[in-house]
Protein backbone atom coordinates (compact mmCIF):
# COMPACT_ATOMS: atom_id res chain seq x y z
CA MET A 1 -95.19 -56.86 17.66
CA THR A 2 -94.12 -53.36 16.73
CA THR A 3 -94.52 -50.33 18.86
CA THR A 4 -94.84 -46.81 17.67
CA THR A 5 -93.67 -43.63 19.23
CA PRO A 6 -96.52 -41.21 19.91
CA ALA A 7 -96.60 -38.22 17.61
CA ARG A 8 -95.18 -35.02 19.02
CA THR A 9 -97.63 -32.23 19.66
CA THR A 10 -95.10 -29.56 20.57
CA ALA A 11 -91.87 -28.51 18.96
CA ARG A 12 -88.53 -29.10 20.65
CA LEU A 13 -87.73 -25.40 20.52
CA ASP A 14 -88.87 -22.19 18.84
CA LEU A 15 -86.07 -21.39 16.38
CA LYS A 16 -87.94 -18.40 14.98
CA GLY A 17 -88.64 -16.89 18.38
CA LEU A 18 -85.17 -17.56 19.78
CA ALA A 19 -83.28 -16.32 16.72
CA PRO A 20 -85.65 -14.01 14.83
CA GLU A 21 -82.90 -12.36 12.79
CA VAL A 22 -81.69 -15.69 11.45
CA SER A 23 -85.25 -16.76 10.74
CA ALA A 24 -85.89 -13.50 8.88
CA ALA A 25 -82.71 -14.03 6.84
CA MET A 26 -83.90 -17.55 5.91
CA GLY A 27 -87.23 -16.11 4.86
CA GLU A 28 -85.49 -13.54 2.69
CA LEU A 29 -83.30 -16.25 1.14
CA HIS A 30 -86.46 -18.19 0.28
CA ARG A 31 -88.12 -15.10 -1.22
CA ALA A 32 -84.97 -14.30 -3.24
CA ALA A 33 -84.88 -17.85 -4.59
CA VAL A 34 -88.56 -17.61 -5.57
CA ARG A 35 -87.94 -14.27 -7.30
CA ALA A 36 -84.97 -15.75 -9.20
CA ALA A 37 -87.09 -18.71 -10.29
CA ARG A 38 -89.90 -16.44 -11.42
CA ALA A 39 -87.48 -14.23 -13.36
CA ALA A 40 -85.96 -17.32 -15.00
CA GLY A 41 -89.37 -18.69 -15.98
CA VAL A 42 -89.37 -21.72 -13.68
CA GLU A 43 -92.90 -22.76 -12.88
CA PRO A 44 -94.04 -22.53 -9.23
CA GLU A 45 -95.57 -26.00 -9.58
CA LEU A 46 -92.18 -27.46 -10.52
CA LEU A 47 -90.59 -25.80 -7.49
CA GLU A 48 -93.16 -27.47 -5.23
CA LEU A 49 -92.22 -30.86 -6.69
CA VAL A 50 -88.56 -30.08 -5.90
CA ARG A 51 -89.47 -29.08 -2.34
CA ILE A 52 -91.57 -32.18 -1.77
CA ARG A 53 -88.95 -34.55 -3.18
CA ALA A 54 -86.12 -33.07 -1.10
CA SER A 55 -88.35 -33.20 1.98
CA GLN A 56 -89.12 -36.86 1.27
CA LEU A 57 -85.42 -37.68 1.04
CA ASN A 58 -84.70 -35.78 4.25
CA GLY A 59 -87.69 -37.20 6.13
CA CYS A 60 -89.10 -33.79 7.04
CA ALA A 61 -92.75 -34.25 8.01
CA PHE A 62 -93.32 -30.54 8.63
CA CYS A 63 -92.13 -29.53 5.14
CA LEU A 64 -93.93 -32.45 3.49
CA ASP A 65 -97.17 -31.33 5.11
CA MET A 66 -96.62 -27.74 4.01
CA HIS A 67 -95.49 -28.33 0.45
CA THR A 68 -97.98 -31.06 -0.43
CA LYS A 69 -100.71 -28.65 0.68
CA ASP A 70 -99.15 -25.85 -1.39
CA ALA A 71 -98.86 -28.18 -4.39
CA ARG A 72 -102.52 -29.18 -4.11
CA ALA A 73 -103.51 -25.52 -3.83
CA GLN A 74 -101.65 -24.92 -7.12
CA GLY A 75 -103.59 -27.71 -8.80
CA GLU A 76 -101.19 -30.63 -8.39
CA THR A 77 -102.86 -34.05 -8.55
CA GLU A 78 -102.95 -36.58 -5.75
CA GLN A 79 -101.59 -39.21 -8.13
CA ARG A 80 -98.43 -37.24 -8.86
CA ILE A 81 -97.91 -36.30 -5.22
CA HIS A 82 -98.33 -39.91 -4.11
CA THR A 83 -95.94 -41.27 -6.74
CA LEU A 84 -93.30 -38.56 -6.47
CA GLY A 85 -91.03 -40.83 -4.43
CA ALA A 86 -90.95 -43.22 -7.40
CA TRP A 87 -91.00 -40.62 -10.19
CA ARG A 88 -88.49 -42.54 -12.32
CA GLU A 89 -90.93 -45.46 -12.54
CA THR A 90 -94.02 -43.50 -13.60
CA PRO A 91 -95.16 -41.80 -16.79
CA PHE A 92 -96.64 -38.89 -14.82
CA PHE A 93 -93.74 -36.41 -14.98
CA THR A 94 -92.44 -34.38 -17.91
CA GLU A 95 -88.85 -34.40 -19.10
CA ARG A 96 -88.40 -30.97 -17.53
CA GLU A 97 -89.79 -32.16 -14.18
CA ARG A 98 -87.62 -35.29 -14.30
CA ALA A 99 -84.50 -33.20 -14.87
CA ALA A 100 -85.41 -30.90 -11.97
CA LEU A 101 -86.16 -33.83 -9.66
CA ALA A 102 -82.88 -35.57 -10.51
CA LEU A 103 -80.98 -32.34 -9.91
CA ALA A 104 -82.80 -31.71 -6.61
CA GLU A 105 -82.06 -35.28 -5.48
CA ALA A 106 -78.37 -34.85 -6.33
CA VAL A 107 -78.17 -31.53 -4.45
CA THR A 108 -79.97 -33.09 -1.48
CA SER A 109 -77.68 -36.13 -1.45
CA VAL A 110 -74.29 -34.49 -2.07
CA GLN A 111 -72.74 -36.81 0.50
CA ASP A 112 -73.24 -39.58 -2.09
CA GLY A 113 -70.68 -38.07 -4.46
CA GLN A 114 -71.57 -34.51 -5.36
CA VAL A 115 -73.83 -33.56 -8.28
CA PRO A 116 -72.95 -35.95 -11.12
CA ASP A 117 -72.02 -34.44 -14.47
CA GLU A 118 -74.72 -36.47 -16.23
CA VAL A 119 -77.42 -35.09 -13.91
CA TYR A 120 -76.26 -31.53 -14.58
CA ALA A 121 -76.03 -32.21 -18.33
CA SER A 122 -79.59 -33.59 -18.37
CA ALA A 123 -80.82 -30.48 -16.58
CA ARG A 124 -79.02 -28.25 -19.10
CA GLU A 125 -80.81 -30.04 -21.96
CA VAL A 126 -84.15 -28.67 -20.77
CA PHE A 127 -83.20 -25.61 -18.69
CA ASP A 128 -81.06 -22.60 -19.45
CA GLU A 129 -78.43 -21.50 -16.92
CA PRO A 130 -80.69 -19.13 -14.95
CA GLN A 131 -83.30 -21.90 -14.69
CA VAL A 132 -80.74 -24.49 -13.51
CA THR A 133 -79.54 -21.93 -10.99
CA ALA A 134 -83.12 -21.41 -9.78
CA VAL A 135 -83.69 -25.16 -9.34
CA ILE A 136 -80.41 -25.49 -7.42
CA TRP A 137 -81.34 -22.58 -5.13
CA ALA A 138 -84.80 -24.06 -4.55
CA ALA A 139 -83.16 -27.35 -3.51
CA VAL A 140 -80.62 -25.60 -1.29
CA VAL A 141 -83.29 -23.54 0.47
CA ILE A 142 -85.64 -26.45 1.13
CA ASN A 143 -82.73 -28.54 2.40
CA ALA A 144 -81.91 -25.76 4.88
CA TYR A 145 -85.55 -25.56 5.94
CA ASN A 146 -85.73 -29.36 6.29
CA ARG A 147 -82.75 -29.32 8.60
CA THR A 148 -84.17 -26.56 10.78
CA ALA A 149 -87.63 -28.17 10.98
CA ILE A 150 -86.17 -31.58 11.80
CA SER A 151 -83.74 -30.19 14.39
CA ALA A 152 -86.46 -28.17 16.10
CA ARG A 153 -88.95 -31.03 15.69
CA MET A 154 -91.52 -28.70 14.21
CA VAL A 155 -94.97 -30.26 14.36
CA PRO A 156 -96.78 -30.78 11.05
CA GLY A 157 -100.49 -30.33 10.52
CA ALA A 158 -101.45 -26.74 11.26
CA TYR A 159 -100.12 -25.10 8.08
CA GLN A 160 -102.70 -23.91 5.56
CA PRO A 161 -101.82 -22.37 2.18
CA ALA A 162 -102.70 -18.76 1.57
CA PRO A 163 -105.92 -18.35 -0.41
CA ARG A 164 -105.30 -18.06 -4.15
CA SER A 165 -105.96 -14.64 -5.53
């Protein structure tokens, strides 16, 4: 017989409220990374895949809830979202997406031996330097957000994407 822990309905602490300047700086870092990606021509949909995959690896329910909703709002399919954890085994992702996902996984899992040269080389085959930089920053930012959400035990479920204009 297995037992489950009841889901939390309140966060452990309010990081934003207790350290608003740090939270604002994180928000600006995120916005700067998005601007860099836009300027480099990296698709917003690809960035959502990076955010979801890193959040899967880190086990961040709050960010998974948020970014799967954002991905759906941008037109991402349920099939691709559901199989993202096994992207290497599916035909659903482009070469460009595969390179970004491999790079994001390597950045997320640097404790496993840094970012391998072959992962970087594969990314450079389909992305120019500003685009690789944008993917790396997207992975770095979501990893930071994962760690804050997990540490504060932020509760998933309430987030709703902004209406598309």
